[in-house]
Amino acid sequence: MQLKEFAVLSPFLAVVIVLAVTVAVIIALIAGLAAGLLARADGASLSAVVGRAGMTFTATLTLLALVVTTVADLLQ
């Protein structure tokens, strides 16, 4: 794909993209929060909790990006 294809977006498509990114970030935040809470309940230190939550957040965003890329390729 070339960059010119993304230059002209319909307002509907722009709203859908913004909403999809927002939902993905919210899902990743919830997963990170859950991982942090579970780690804290397990007795981990605060630095370990933040590390586990951050890794979970990053992994969730990576998996969601993979799913979006795969679905986008299948729809074309």
PDB file of N, CA and C in Angstrom:
ATOM      1  N   MET A   1       0.825  -1.182   0.000  1.00  0.00           N
ATOM      2  CA  MET A   1       0.000   0.000   0.000  1.00  0.00           C
ATOM      3  C   MET A   1       0.868   1.243   0.000  1.00  0.00           C
ATOM      4  N   GLN A   2       0.384   2.230  -0.664  1.00  0.00           N
ATOM      5  CA  GLN A   2       1.107   3.480  -0.691  1.00  0.00           C
ATOM      6  C   GLN A   2       0.470   4.453   0.286  1.00  0.00           C
ATOM      7  N   LEU A   3       1.227   5.455   0.636  1.00  0.00           N
ATOM      8  CA  LEU A   3       0.748   6.437   1.609  1.00  0.00           C
ATOM      9  C   LEU A   3      -0.391   7.271   1.043  1.00  0.00           C
ATOM     10  N   LYS A   4      -0.467   7.415  -0.285  1.00  0.00           N
ATOM     11  CA  LYS A   4      -1.514   8.216  -0.897  1.00  0.00           C
ATOM     12  C   LYS A   4      -2.902   7.650  -0.615  1.00  0.00           C
ATOM     13  N   GLU A   5      -2.990   6.330  -0.435  1.00  0.00           N
ATOM     14  CA  GLU A   5      -4.282   5.707  -0.180  1.00  0.00           C
ATOM     15  C   GLU A   5      -4.881   6.159   1.147  1.00  0.00           C
ATOM     16  N   PHE A   6      -4.057   6.486   2.101  1.00  0.00           N
ATOM     17  CA  PHE A   6      -4.536   6.889   3.411  1.00  0.00           C
ATOM     18  C   PHE A   6      -4.775   8.395   3.511  1.00  0.00           C
ATOM     19  N   ALA A   7      -4.366   9.128   2.503  1.00  0.00           N
ATOM     20  CA  ALA A   7      -4.498  10.575   2.567  1.00  0.00           C
ATOM     21  C   ALA A   7      -5.952  11.019   2.480  1.00  0.00           C
ATOM     22  N   VAL A   8      -6.764  10.285   1.724  1.00  0.00           N
ATOM     23  CA  VAL A   8      -8.158  10.660   1.538  1.00  0.00           C
ATOM     24  C   VAL A   8      -9.025   9.627   2.260  1.00  0.00           C
ATOM     25  N   LEU A   9      -9.461   9.977   3.450  1.00  0.00           N
ATOM     26  CA  LEU A   9     -10.317   9.097   4.232  1.00  0.00           C
ATOM     27  C   LEU A   9     -11.698   9.715   4.340  1.00  0.00           C
ATOM     28  N   SER A  10     -12.686   8.868   4.263  1.00  0.00           N
ATOM     29  CA  SER A  10     -14.030   9.372   4.517  1.00  0.00           C
ATOM     30  C   SER A  10     -14.170   9.628   6.014  1.00  0.00           C
ATOM     31  N   PRO A  11     -15.046  10.526   6.401  1.00  0.00           N
ATOM     32  CA  PRO A  11     -15.227  10.784   7.839  1.00  0.00           C
ATOM     33  C   PRO A  11     -15.664   9.528   8.596  1.00  0.00           C
ATOM     34  N   PHE A  12     -16.474   8.710   7.965  1.00  0.00           N
ATOM     35  CA  PHE A  12     -16.917   7.473   8.608  1.00  0.00           C
ATOM     36  C   PHE A  12     -15.740   6.551   8.897  1.00  0.00           C
ATOM     37  N   LEU A  13     -14.856   6.377   7.917  1.00  0.00           N
ATOM     38  CA  LEU A  13     -13.701   5.504   8.101  1.00  0.00           C
ATOM     39  C   LEU A  13     -12.766   6.052   9.175  1.00  0.00           C
ATOM     40  N   ALA A  14     -12.605   7.356   9.221  1.00  0.00           N
ATOM     41  CA  ALA A  14     -11.753   7.960  10.246  1.00  0.00           C
ATOM     42  C   ALA A  14     -12.318   7.707  11.645  1.00  0.00           C
ATOM     43  N   VAL A  15     -13.634   7.819  11.790  1.00  0.00           N
ATOM     44  CA  VAL A  15     -14.269   7.563  13.092  1.00  0.00           C
ATOM     45  C   VAL A  15     -14.123   6.102  13.476  1.00  0.00           C
ATOM     46  N   VAL A  16     -14.284   5.198  12.526  1.00  0.00           N
ATOM     47  CA  VAL A  16     -14.147   3.768  12.808  1.00  0.00           C
ATOM     48  C   VAL A  16     -12.721   3.440  13.243  1.00  0.00           C
ATOM     49  N   ILE A  17     -11.733   4.044  12.597  1.00  0.00           N
ATOM     50  CA  ILE A  17     -10.339   3.799  12.969  1.00  0.00           C
ATOM     51  C   ILE A  17     -10.060   4.310  14.375  1.00  0.00           C
ATOM     52  N   VAL A  18     -10.525   5.509  14.686  1.00  0.00           N
ATOM     53  CA  VAL A  18     -10.317   6.073  16.028  1.00  0.00           C
ATOM     54  C   VAL A  18     -10.996   5.204  17.085  1.00  0.00           C
ATOM     55  N   LEU A  19     -12.217   4.760  16.811  1.00  0.00           N
ATOM     56  CA  LEU A  19     -12.925   3.904  17.771  1.00  0.00           C
ATOM     57  C   LEU A  19     -12.229   2.558  17.943  1.00  0.00           C
ATOM     58  N   ALA A  20     -11.728   1.988  16.870  1.00  0.00           N
ATOM     59  CA  ALA A  20     -11.037   0.692  16.960  1.00  0.00           C
ATOM     60  C   ALA A  20      -9.767   0.810  17.792  1.00  0.00           C
ATOM     61  N   VAL A  21      -9.018   1.877  17.593  1.00  0.00           N
ATOM     62  CA  VAL A  21      -7.796   2.078  18.383  1.00  0.00           C
ATOM     63  C   VAL A  21      -8.145   2.303  19.848  1.00  0.00           C
ATOM     64  N   THR A  22      -9.201   3.066  20.099  1.00  0.00           N
ATOM     65  CA  THR A  22      -9.626   3.326  21.478  1.00  0.00           C
ATOM     66  C   THR A  22     -10.037   2.040  22.179  1.00  0.00           C
ATOM     67  N   VAL A  23     -10.806   1.212  21.495  1.00  0.00           N
ATOM     68  CA  VAL A  23     -11.235  -0.066  22.084  1.00  0.00           C
ATOM     69  C   VAL A  23     -10.035  -0.963  22.349  1.00  0.00           C
ATOM     70  N   ALA A  24      -9.082  -1.003  21.422  1.00  0.00           N
ATOM     71  CA  ALA A  24      -7.889  -1.827  21.612  1.00  0.00           C
ATOM     72  C   ALA A  24      -7.084  -1.369  22.820  1.00  0.00           C
ATOM     73  N   VAL A  25      -6.927  -0.071  22.988  1.00  0.00           N
ATOM     74  CA  VAL A  25      -6.169   0.446  24.140  1.00  0.00           C
ATOM     75  C   VAL A  25      -6.916   0.168  25.440  1.00  0.00           C
ATOM     76  N   ILE A  26      -8.238   0.297  25.440  1.00  0.00           N
ATOM     77  CA  ILE A  26      -9.012   0.017  26.653  1.00  0.00           C
ATOM     78  C   ILE A  26      -8.911  -1.455  27.026  1.00  0.00           C
ATOM     79  N   ILE A  27      -8.993  -2.349  26.048  1.00  0.00           N
ATOM     80  CA  ILE A  27      -8.856  -3.785  26.329  1.00  0.00           C
ATOM     81  C   ILE A  27      -7.471  -4.080  26.892  1.00  0.00           C
ATOM     82  N   ALA A  28      -6.438  -3.470  26.311  1.00  0.00           N
ATOM     83  CA  ALA A  28      -5.076  -3.686  26.806  1.00  0.00           C
ATOM     84  C   ALA A  28      -4.904  -3.134  28.216  1.00  0.00           C
ATOM     85  N   LEU A  29      -5.516  -1.986  28.510  1.00  0.00           N
ATOM     86  CA  LEU A  29      -5.445  -1.428  29.863  1.00  0.00           C
ATOM     87  C   LEU A  29      -6.130  -2.335  30.879  1.00  0.00           C
ATOM     88  N   ILE A  30      -7.278  -2.869  30.511  1.00  0.00           N
ATOM     89  CA  ILE A  30      -7.987  -3.771  31.430  1.00  0.00           C
ATOM     90  C   ILE A  30      -7.172  -5.035  31.676  1.00  0.00           C
ATOM     91  N   ALA A  31      -6.557  -5.577  30.619  1.00  0.00           N
ATOM     92  CA  ALA A  31      -5.723  -6.770  30.786  1.00  0.00           C
ATOM     93  C   ALA A  31      -4.514  -6.472  31.669  1.00  0.00           C
ATOM     94  N   GLY A  32      -3.879  -5.326  31.452  1.00  0.00           N
ATOM     95  CA  GLY A  32      -2.733  -4.945  32.276  1.00  0.00           C
ATOM     96  C   GLY A  32      -3.117  -4.732  33.728  1.00  0.00           C
ATOM     97  N   LEU A  33      -4.265  -4.087  33.945  1.00  0.00           N
ATOM     98  CA  LEU A  33      -4.749  -3.864  35.303  1.00  0.00           C
ATOM     99  C   LEU A  33      -5.045  -5.195  35.998  1.00  0.00           C
ATOM    100  N   ALA A  34      -5.674  -6.101  35.290  1.00  0.00           N
ATOM    101  CA  ALA A  34      -5.981  -7.415  35.872  1.00  0.00           C
ATOM    102  C   ALA A  34      -4.693  -8.168  36.217  1.00  0.00           C
ATOM    103  N   ALA A  35      -3.711  -8.110  35.323  1.00  0.00           N
ATOM    104  CA  ALA A  35      -2.443  -8.790  35.600  1.00  0.00           C
ATOM    105  C   ALA A  35      -1.742  -8.171  36.806  1.00  0.00           C
ATOM    106  N   GLY A  36      -1.796  -6.853  36.902  1.00  0.00           N
ATOM    107  CA  GLY A  36      -1.187  -6.193  38.054  1.00  0.00           C
ATOM    108  C   GLY A  36      -1.879  -6.549  39.356  1.00  0.00           C
ATOM    109  N   LEU A  37      -3.197  -6.563  39.326  1.00  0.00           N
ATOM    110  CA  LEU A  37      -3.945  -6.921  40.545  1.00  0.00           C
ATOM    111  C   LEU A  37      -3.691  -8.369  40.963  1.00  0.00           C
ATOM    112  N   LEU A  38      -3.637  -9.257  39.985  1.00  0.00           N
ATOM    113  CA  LEU A  38      -3.362 -10.656  40.316  1.00  0.00           C
ATOM    114  C   LEU A  38      -1.946 -10.839  40.853  1.00  0.00           C
ATOM    115  N   ALA A  39      -0.992 -10.096  40.281  1.00  0.00           N
ATOM    116  CA  ALA A  39       0.380 -10.189  40.773  1.00  0.00           C
ATOM    117  C   ALA A  39       0.481  -9.640  42.192  1.00  0.00           C
ATOM    118  N   ARG A  40      -0.233  -8.553  42.465  1.00  0.00           N
ATOM    119  CA  ARG A  40      -0.202  -7.978  43.818  1.00  0.00           C
ATOM    120  C   ARG A  40      -0.876  -8.910  44.820  1.00  0.00           C
ATOM    121  N   ALA A  41      -1.955  -9.551  44.405  1.00  0.00           N
ATOM    122  CA  ALA A  41      -2.625 -10.511  45.288  1.00  0.00           C
ATOM    123  C   ALA A  41      -1.742 -11.721  45.565  1.00  0.00           C
ATOM    124  N   ASP A  42      -0.823 -11.998  44.634  1.00  0.00           N
ATOM    125  CA  ASP A  42       0.099 -13.115  44.809  1.00  0.00           C
ATOM    126  C   ASP A  42       1.269 -12.745  45.709  1.00  0.00           C
ATOM    127  N   GLY A  43       1.370 -11.459  46.074  1.00  0.00           N
ATOM    128  CA  GLY A  43       2.417 -11.040  46.990  1.00  0.00           C
ATOM    129  C   GLY A  43       3.635 -10.447  46.309  1.00  0.00           C
ATOM    130  N   ALA A  44       3.535 -10.072  45.051  1.00  0.00           N
ATOM    131  CA  ALA A  44       4.673  -9.498  44.333  1.00  0.00           C
ATOM    132  C   ALA A  44       4.925  -8.070  44.821  1.00  0.00           C
ATOM    133  N   SER A  45       6.165  -7.641  44.663  1.00  0.00           N
ATOM    134  CA  SER A  45       6.507  -6.259  45.041  1.00  0.00           C
ATOM    135  C   SER A  45       5.889  -5.292  44.038  1.00  0.00           C
ATOM    136  N   LEU A  46       5.876  -4.021  44.408  1.00  0.00           N
ATOM    137  CA  LEU A  46       5.251  -3.023  43.547  1.00  0.00           C
ATOM    138  C   LEU A  46       5.956  -2.915  42.195  1.00  0.00           C
ATOM    139  N   SER A  47       7.276  -3.005  42.189  1.00  0.00           N
ATOM    140  CA  SER A  47       8.002  -2.928  40.919  1.00  0.00           C
ATOM    141  C   SER A  47       7.709  -4.139  40.031  1.00  0.00           C
ATOM    142  N   ALA A  48       7.561  -5.297  40.632  1.00  0.00           N
ATOM    143  CA  ALA A  48       7.207  -6.493  39.865  1.00  0.00           C
ATOM    144  C   ALA A  48       5.788  -6.381  39.305  1.00  0.00           C
ATOM    145  N   VAL A  49       4.893  -5.793  40.104  1.00  0.00           N
ATOM    146  CA  VAL A  49       3.505  -5.605  39.651  1.00  0.00           C
ATOM    147  C   VAL A  49       3.468  -4.695  38.435  1.00  0.00           C
ATOM    148  N   VAL A  50       4.202  -3.580  38.490  1.00  0.00           N
ATOM    149  CA  VAL A  50       4.225  -2.645  37.364  1.00  0.00           C
ATOM    150  C   VAL A  50       4.848  -3.310  36.137  1.00  0.00           C
ATOM    151  N   GLY A  51       5.880  -4.096  36.343  1.00  0.00           N
ATOM    152  CA  GLY A  51       6.516  -4.803  35.230  1.00  0.00           C
ATOM    153  C   GLY A  51       5.582  -5.802  34.567  1.00  0.00           C
ATOM    154  N   ARG A  52       4.880  -6.570  35.369  1.00  0.00           N
ATOM    155  CA  ARG A  52       3.943  -7.558  34.812  1.00  0.00           C
ATOM    156  C   ARG A  52       2.778  -6.882  34.113  1.00  0.00           C
ATOM    157  N   ALA A  53       2.284  -5.808  34.692  1.00  0.00           N
ATOM    158  CA  ALA A  53       1.183  -5.082  34.061  1.00  0.00           C
ATOM    159  C   ALA A  53       1.634  -4.476  32.730  1.00  0.00           C
ATOM    160  N   GLY A  54       2.825  -3.926  32.705  1.00  0.00           N
ATOM    161  CA  GLY A  54       3.349  -3.349  31.464  1.00  0.00           C
ATOM    162  C   GLY A  54       3.576  -4.378  30.384  1.00  0.00           C
ATOM    163  N   MET A  55       4.113  -5.525  30.772  1.00  0.00           N
ATOM    164  CA  MET A  55       4.314  -6.594  29.792  1.00  0.00           C
ATOM    165  C   MET A  55       2.983  -7.100  29.250  1.00  0.00           C
ATOM    166  N   THR A  56       1.997  -7.217  30.114  1.00  0.00           N
ATOM    167  CA  THR A  56       0.683  -7.676  29.674  1.00  0.00           C
ATOM    168  C   THR A  56       0.031  -6.656  28.755  1.00  0.00           C
ATOM    169  N   PHE A  57       0.141  -5.382  29.082  1.00  0.00           N
ATOM    170  CA  PHE A  57      -0.395  -4.318  28.234  1.00  0.00           C
ATOM    171  C   PHE A  57       0.240  -4.370  26.848  1.00  0.00           C
ATOM    172  N   THR A  58       1.561  -4.477  26.804  1.00  0.00           N
ATOM    173  CA  THR A  58       2.276  -4.516  25.530  1.00  0.00           C
ATOM    174  C   THR A  58       1.929  -5.764  24.727  1.00  0.00           C
ATOM    175  N   ALA A  59       1.864  -6.905  25.395  1.00  0.00           N
ATOM    176  CA  ALA A  59       1.526  -8.144  24.693  1.00  0.00           C
ATOM    177  C   ALA A  59       0.105  -8.103  24.134  1.00  0.00           C
ATOM    178  N   THR A  60      -0.815  -7.530  24.889  1.00  0.00           N
ATOM    179  CA  THR A  60      -2.191  -7.432  24.415  1.00  0.00           C
ATOM    180  C   THR A  60      -2.295  -6.521  23.207  1.00  0.00           C
ATOM    181  N   LEU A  61      -1.622  -5.379  23.236  1.00  0.00           N
ATOM    182  CA  LEU A  61      -1.629  -4.488  22.076  1.00  0.00           C
ATOM    183  C   LEU A  61      -0.997  -5.157  20.860  1.00  0.00           C
ATOM    184  N   THR A  62       0.059  -5.929  21.071  1.00  0.00           N
ATOM    185  CA  THR A  62       0.714  -6.623  19.965  1.00  0.00           C
ATOM    186  C   THR A  62      -0.223  -7.652  19.346  1.00  0.00           C
ATOM    187  N   LEU A  63      -0.902  -8.421  20.188  1.00  0.00           N
ATOM    188  CA  LEU A  63      -1.836  -9.419  19.663  1.00  0.00           C
ATOM    189  C   LEU A  63      -3.016  -8.779  18.948  1.00  0.00           C
ATOM    190  N   LEU A  64      -3.524  -7.677  19.484  1.00  0.00           N
ATOM    191  CA  LEU A  64      -4.618  -6.987  18.819  1.00  0.00           C
ATOM    192  C   LEU A  64      -4.181  -6.411  17.472  1.00  0.00           C
ATOM    193  N   ALA A  65      -2.965  -5.902  17.399  1.00  0.00           N
ATOM    194  CA  ALA A  65      -2.447  -5.402  16.122  1.00  0.00           C
ATOM    195  C   ALA A  65      -2.305  -6.536  15.116  1.00  0.00           C
ATOM    196  N   LEU A  66      -1.881  -7.699  15.581  1.00  0.00           N
ATOM    197  CA  LEU A  66      -1.773  -8.861  14.710  1.00  0.00           C
ATOM    198  C   LEU A  66      -3.132  -9.286  14.177  1.00  0.00           C
ATOM    199  N   VAL A  67      -4.133  -9.292  15.037  1.00  0.00           N
ATOM    200  CA  VAL A  67      -5.485  -9.666  14.621  1.00  0.00           C
ATOM    201  C   VAL A  67      -6.043  -8.672  13.616  1.00  0.00           C
ATOM    202  N   VAL A  68      -5.851  -7.383  13.880  1.00  0.00           N
ATOM    203  CA  VAL A  68      -6.357  -6.356  12.965  1.00  0.00           C
ATOM    204  C   VAL A  68      -5.668  -6.460  11.612  1.00  0.00           C
ATOM    205  N   THR A  69      -4.367  -6.675  11.606  1.00  0.00           N
ATOM    206  CA  THR A  69      -3.639  -6.816  10.347  1.00  0.00           C
ATOM    207  C   THR A  69      -4.107  -8.035   9.569  1.00  0.00           C
ATOM    208  N   THR A  70      -4.314  -9.137  10.259  1.00  0.00           N
ATOM    209  CA  THR A  70      -4.772 -10.353   9.601  1.00  0.00           C
ATOM    210  C   THR A  70      -6.163 -10.177   9.014  1.00  0.00           C
ATOM    211  N   VAL A  71      -7.061  -9.596   9.772  1.00  0.00           N
ATOM    212  CA  VAL A  71      -8.422  -9.389   9.271  1.00  0.00           C
ATOM    213  C   VAL A  71      -8.416  -8.415   8.099  1.00  0.00           C
ATOM    214  N   ALA A  72      -7.621  -7.366   8.171  1.00  0.00           N
ATOM    215  CA  ALA A  72      -7.545  -6.399   7.076  1.00  0.00           C
ATOM    216  C   ALA A  72      -7.018  -7.060   5.802  1.00  0.00           C
ATOM    217  N   ASP A  73      -6.037  -7.943   5.940  1.00  0.00           N
ATOM    218  CA  ASP A  73      -5.523  -8.639   4.764  1.00  0.00           C
ATOM    219  C   ASP A  73      -6.548  -9.620   4.199  1.00  0.00           C
ATOM    220  N   LEU A  74      -7.315 -10.253   5.064  1.00  0.00           N
ATOM    221  CA  LEU A  74      -8.334 -11.184   4.584  1.00  0.00           C
ATOM    222  C   LEU A  74      -9.486 -10.471   3.880  1.00  0.00           C
ATOM    223  N   LEU A  75      -9.784  -9.263   4.270  1.00  0.00           N
ATOM    224  CA  LEU A  75     -10.901  -8.527   3.668  1.00  0.00           C
ATOM    225  C   LEU A  75     -10.543  -7.892   2.331  1.00  0.00           C
ATOM    226  N   GLN A  76      -9.257  -7.824   2.021  1.00  0.00           N
ATOM    227  CA  GLN A  76      -8.872  -7.201   0.740  1.00  0.00           C
ATOM    228  C   GLN A  76      -8.856  -8.185  -0.390  1.00  0.00           C
TER     229      GLN A  76
END
